[in-house]
Amino acid sequence: MTSPTLRFWAGGFLYDRGSKSVLLHKRDGNTPINPHRWAFFGGMNEGTESHLQCFIRELHEEIGLSVSPREARKLTDYFYPERNQHRAVYFVERIVSLEELTLGEGAGFAWIELKNVFEFDLADRTREDLLYFIQTAA
């Protein structure tokens, strides 16, 4: 008898230490979760992939960016009771011009300076995780 695969969300963002900016995703209106808000790149796992594999796949699907597992740094992971799921958040320190990326889903993406990021309409968990990032890793 095989056990069912546990469903989880994994995602994250790019970080430019020099400009203290993060690359975030603008969600479109086709999603029931946080439509039209700024959020991390990410999504639900597929099959038996790990948190890290899910994050790397989602970056590639959403903006066409290939990332090696060595580049990704785990920021946090926790149980998200409002959605009854586990959430794993990563970041990659890399400078990428927007012209190098291809939007695969959503309304857009942008580099946003950390000093201005909380002026944007952020998804609630994105806001909380970015606060944690600023306190611990930025």
C-alpha atoms as a PDB file:
ATOM      1  CA  MET A   1       0.000   0.000   0.000  1.00  0.00           C
ATOM      2  CA  THR A   2       1.440   3.387  -1.005  1.00  0.00           C
ATOM      3  CA  SER A   3       0.863   6.498   1.030  1.00  0.00           C
ATOM      4  CA  PRO A   4      -0.578   9.565  -0.653  1.00  0.00           C
ATOM      5  CA  THR A   5       1.811  12.380  -1.535  1.00  0.00           C
ATOM      6  CA  LEU A   6       1.432  15.308   0.825  1.00  0.00           C
ATOM      7  CA  ARG A   7       0.523  18.536  -0.937  1.00  0.00           C
ATOM      8  CA  PHE A   8       2.538  21.667  -0.184  1.00  0.00           C
ATOM      9  CA  TRP A   9       3.331  25.077  -1.625  1.00  0.00           C
ATOM     10  CA  ALA A  10       6.912  26.107  -2.406  1.00  0.00           C
ATOM     11  CA  GLY A  11       8.119  29.355  -3.859  1.00  0.00           C
ATOM     12  CA  GLY A  12      10.227  32.401  -3.410  1.00  0.00           C
ATOM     13  CA  PHE A  13      12.005  35.275  -5.051  1.00  0.00           C
ATOM     14  CA  LEU A  14      15.263  36.627  -6.436  1.00  0.00           C
ATOM     15  CA  TYR A  15      17.356  39.022  -4.371  1.00  0.00           C
ATOM     16  CA  ASP A  16      19.855  41.639  -5.552  1.00  0.00           C
ATOM     17  CA  ARG A  17      22.009  42.421  -2.516  1.00  0.00           C
ATOM     18  CA  GLY A  18      23.659  45.429  -4.200  1.00  0.00           C
ATOM     19  CA  SER A  19      20.428  47.319  -4.830  1.00  0.00           C
ATOM     20  CA  LYS A  20      18.551  45.677  -1.910  1.00  0.00           C
ATOM     21  CA  SER A  21      15.788  44.672  -4.347  1.00  0.00           C
ATOM     22  CA  VAL A  22      13.578  41.634  -4.748  1.00  0.00           C
ATOM     23  CA  LEU A  23      12.041  40.252  -7.922  1.00  0.00           C
ATOM     24  CA  LEU A  24       8.341  39.626  -7.308  1.00  0.00           C
ATOM     25  CA  HIS A  25       5.441  38.327  -9.361  1.00  0.00           C
ATOM     26  CA  LYS A  26       2.281  40.322 -10.144  1.00  0.00           C
ATOM     27  CA  ARG A  27      -0.607  37.868 -10.095  1.00  0.00           C
ATOM     28  CA  ASP A  28      -3.349  38.196 -12.687  1.00  0.00           C
ATOM     29  CA  GLY A  29      -7.124  38.070 -12.256  1.00  0.00           C
ATOM     30  CA  ASN A  30      -7.402  34.445 -13.404  1.00  0.00           C
ATOM     31  CA  THR A  31      -6.500  33.066  -9.986  1.00  0.00           C
ATOM     32  CA  PRO A  32      -8.842  32.768  -7.004  1.00  0.00           C
ATOM     33  CA  ILE A  33      -5.924  33.193  -4.580  1.00  0.00           C
ATOM     34  CA  ASN A  34      -4.569  36.757  -4.213  1.00  0.00           C
ATOM     35  CA  PRO A  35      -5.662  38.050  -7.644  1.00  0.00           C
ATOM     36  CA  HIS A  36      -3.920  41.244  -8.828  1.00  0.00           C
ATOM     37  CA  ARG A  37      -1.532  41.232  -5.842  1.00  0.00           C
ATOM     38  CA  TRP A  38       2.251  41.023  -5.706  1.00  0.00           C
ATOM     39  CA  ALA A  39       3.584  37.711  -4.465  1.00  0.00           C
ATOM     40  CA  PHE A  40       6.414  35.206  -4.685  1.00  0.00           C
ATOM     41  CA  PHE A  41       6.901  32.916  -7.652  1.00  0.00           C
ATOM     42  CA  GLY A  42       5.673  29.478  -6.665  1.00  0.00           C
ATOM     43  CA  GLY A  43       2.953  26.912  -6.552  1.00  0.00           C
ATOM     44  CA  MET A  44       1.862  23.488  -5.429  1.00  0.00           C
ATOM     45  CA  ASN A  45       4.117  20.457  -5.658  1.00  0.00           C
ATOM     46  CA  GLU A  46       3.793  17.849  -8.382  1.00  0.00           C
ATOM     47  CA  GLY A  47       4.197  14.163  -7.610  1.00  0.00           C
ATOM     48  CA  THR A  48       7.038  13.360  -5.257  1.00  0.00           C
ATOM     49  CA  GLU A  49       9.154  16.468  -5.824  1.00  0.00           C
ATOM     50  CA  SER A  50      10.847  18.093  -2.832  1.00  0.00           C
ATOM     51  CA  HIS A  51      10.263  21.662  -1.651  1.00  0.00           C
ATOM     52  CA  LEU A  52      13.412  22.757  -3.463  1.00  0.00           C
ATOM     53  CA  GLN A  53      12.541  20.922  -6.681  1.00  0.00           C
ATOM     54  CA  CYS A  54       9.094  22.551  -6.626  1.00  0.00           C
ATOM     55  CA  PHE A  55      10.575  26.037  -6.187  1.00  0.00           C
ATOM     56  CA  ILE A  56      13.070  25.520  -9.017  1.00  0.00           C
ATOM     57  CA  ARG A  57      10.355  24.167 -11.350  1.00  0.00           C
ATOM     58  CA  GLU A  58       8.026  27.062 -10.558  1.00  0.00           C
ATOM     59  CA  LEU A  59      10.717  29.673 -11.309  1.00  0.00           C
ATOM     60  CA  HIS A  60      11.299  28.042 -14.669  1.00  0.00           C
ATOM     61  CA  GLU A  61       7.584  27.790 -15.490  1.00  0.00           C
ATOM     62  CA  GLU A  62       6.710  31.310 -14.384  1.00  0.00           C
ATOM     63  CA  ILE A  63       9.668  33.336 -15.718  1.00  0.00           C
ATOM     64  CA  GLY A  64      11.832  30.919 -17.728  1.00  0.00           C
ATOM     65  CA  LEU A  65      14.717  31.094 -15.256  1.00  0.00           C
ATOM     66  CA  SER A  66      16.904  28.055 -14.626  1.00  0.00           C
ATOM     67  CA  VAL A  67      18.347  27.838 -11.120  1.00  0.00           C
ATOM     68  CA  SER A  68      20.672  25.208  -9.690  1.00  0.00           C
ATOM     69  CA  PRO A  69      19.863  23.689  -6.293  1.00  0.00           C
ATOM     70  CA  ARG A  70      23.130  25.170  -4.930  1.00  0.00           C
ATOM     71  CA  GLU A  71      21.907  28.710  -5.664  1.00  0.00           C
ATOM     72  CA  ALA A  72      18.667  28.458  -3.698  1.00  0.00           C
ATOM     73  CA  ARG A  73      18.671  29.339  -0.026  1.00  0.00           C
ATOM     74  CA  LYS A  74      15.808  28.333   2.225  1.00  0.00           C
ATOM     75  CA  LEU A  75      14.303  31.292   4.027  1.00  0.00           C
ATOM     76  CA  THR A  76      11.621  29.513   6.021  1.00  0.00           C
ATOM     77  CA  ASP A  77       9.090  26.727   6.024  1.00  0.00           C
ATOM     78  CA  TYR A  78       6.010  26.375   8.177  1.00  0.00           C
ATOM     79  CA  PHE A  79       2.441  25.131   8.333  1.00  0.00           C
ATOM     80  CA  TYR A  80      -0.032  27.654   6.912  1.00  0.00           C
ATOM     81  CA  PRO A  81      -3.288  26.963   8.811  1.00  0.00           C
ATOM     82  CA  GLU A  82      -5.542  29.235   6.724  1.00  0.00           C
ATOM     83  CA  ARG A  83      -4.888  27.022   3.677  1.00  0.00           C
ATOM     84  CA  ASN A  84      -4.210  23.814   5.623  1.00  0.00           C
ATOM     85  CA  GLN A  85      -0.884  23.273   3.882  1.00  0.00           C
ATOM     86  CA  HIS A  86       2.852  23.435   4.387  1.00  0.00           C
ATOM     87  CA  ARG A  87       4.683  26.433   2.879  1.00  0.00           C
ATOM     88  CA  ALA A  88       8.400  26.520   1.985  1.00  0.00           C
ATOM     89  CA  VAL A  89      10.054  29.795   0.935  1.00  0.00           C
ATOM     90  CA  TYR A  90      13.406  30.155  -0.852  1.00  0.00           C
ATOM     91  CA  PHE A  91      15.420  32.968  -2.363  1.00  0.00           C
ATOM     92  CA  VAL A  92      18.200  33.154  -4.919  1.00  0.00           C
ATOM     93  CA  GLU A  93      20.812  35.905  -4.864  1.00  0.00           C
ATOM     94  CA  ARG A  94      21.104  36.731  -8.526  1.00  0.00           C
ATOM     95  CA  ILE A  95      20.870  39.830 -10.680  1.00  0.00           C
ATOM     96  CA  VAL A  96      18.828  39.163 -13.809  1.00  0.00           C
ATOM     97  CA  SER A  97      17.611  41.799 -16.240  1.00  0.00           C
ATOM     98  CA  LEU A  98      13.894  41.700 -16.931  1.00  0.00           C
ATOM     99  CA  GLU A  99      14.649  41.311 -20.643  1.00  0.00           C
ATOM    100  CA  GLU A 100      16.244  37.909 -19.925  1.00  0.00           C
ATOM    101  CA  LEU A 101      12.987  36.582 -18.446  1.00  0.00           C
ATOM    102  CA  THR A 102       9.826  35.355 -20.137  1.00  0.00           C
ATOM    103  CA  LEU A 103       6.477  35.657 -18.386  1.00  0.00           C
ATOM    104  CA  GLY A 104       4.882  32.218 -18.307  1.00  0.00           C
ATOM    105  CA  GLU A 105       1.903  33.092 -16.145  1.00  0.00           C
ATOM    106  CA  GLY A 106       0.530  36.018 -14.196  1.00  0.00           C
ATOM    107  CA  ALA A 107       0.338  39.706 -15.084  1.00  0.00           C
ATOM    108  CA  GLY A 108       4.019  40.583 -14.762  1.00  0.00           C
ATOM    109  CA  PHE A 109       7.089  40.814 -12.580  1.00  0.00           C
ATOM    110  CA  ALA A 110       9.377  43.582 -11.346  1.00  0.00           C
ATOM    111  CA  TRP A 111      12.434  44.361  -9.272  1.00  0.00           C
ATOM    112  CA  ILE A 112      11.262  46.248  -6.181  1.00  0.00           C
ATOM    113  CA  GLU A 113      13.533  47.882  -3.629  1.00  0.00           C
ATOM    114  CA  LEU A 114      13.020  46.554  -0.117  1.00  0.00           C
ATOM    115  CA  LYS A 115      12.615  50.103   1.182  1.00  0.00           C
ATOM    116  CA  ASN A 116       9.525  50.465  -1.075  1.00  0.00           C
ATOM    117  CA  VAL A 117       8.169  46.909  -1.194  1.00  0.00           C
ATOM    118  CA  PHE A 118       5.567  47.383   1.550  1.00  0.00           C
ATOM    119  CA  GLU A 119       3.925  50.172  -0.465  1.00  0.00           C
ATOM    120  CA  PHE A 120       2.818  47.503  -2.979  1.00  0.00           C
ATOM    121  CA  ASP A 121      -0.354  45.417  -2.644  1.00  0.00           C
ATOM    122  CA  LEU A 122       1.393  42.279  -1.400  1.00  0.00           C
ATOM    123  CA  ALA A 123      -0.233  38.940  -0.687  1.00  0.00           C
ATOM    124  CA  ASP A 124      -0.453  38.551   3.098  1.00  0.00           C
ATOM    125  CA  ARG A 125       2.044  35.691   3.409  1.00  0.00           C
ATOM    126  CA  THR A 126       4.432  37.409   0.997  1.00  0.00           C
ATOM    127  CA  ARG A 127       4.349  40.468   3.257  1.00  0.00           C
ATOM    128  CA  GLU A 128       5.023  38.390   6.377  1.00  0.00           C
ATOM    129  CA  ASP A 129       7.797  36.355   4.750  1.00  0.00           C
ATOM    130  CA  LEU A 130       9.504  39.495   3.397  1.00  0.00           C
ATOM    131  CA  LEU A 131       9.458  41.026   6.888  1.00  0.00           C
ATOM    132  CA  TYR A 132      11.142  37.865   8.140  1.00  0.00           C
ATOM    133  CA  PHE A 133      13.672  38.055   5.288  1.00  0.00           C
ATOM    134  CA  ILE A 134      14.575  41.653   6.145  1.00  0.00           C
ATOM    135  CA  GLN A 135      15.033  40.752   9.813  1.00  0.00           C
ATOM    136  CA  THR A 136      17.125  37.632   9.228  1.00  0.00           C
ATOM    137  CA  ALA A 137      18.797  37.495   5.816  1.00  0.00           C
ATOM    138  CA  ALA A 138      18.835  40.810   3.933  1.00  0.00           C
END
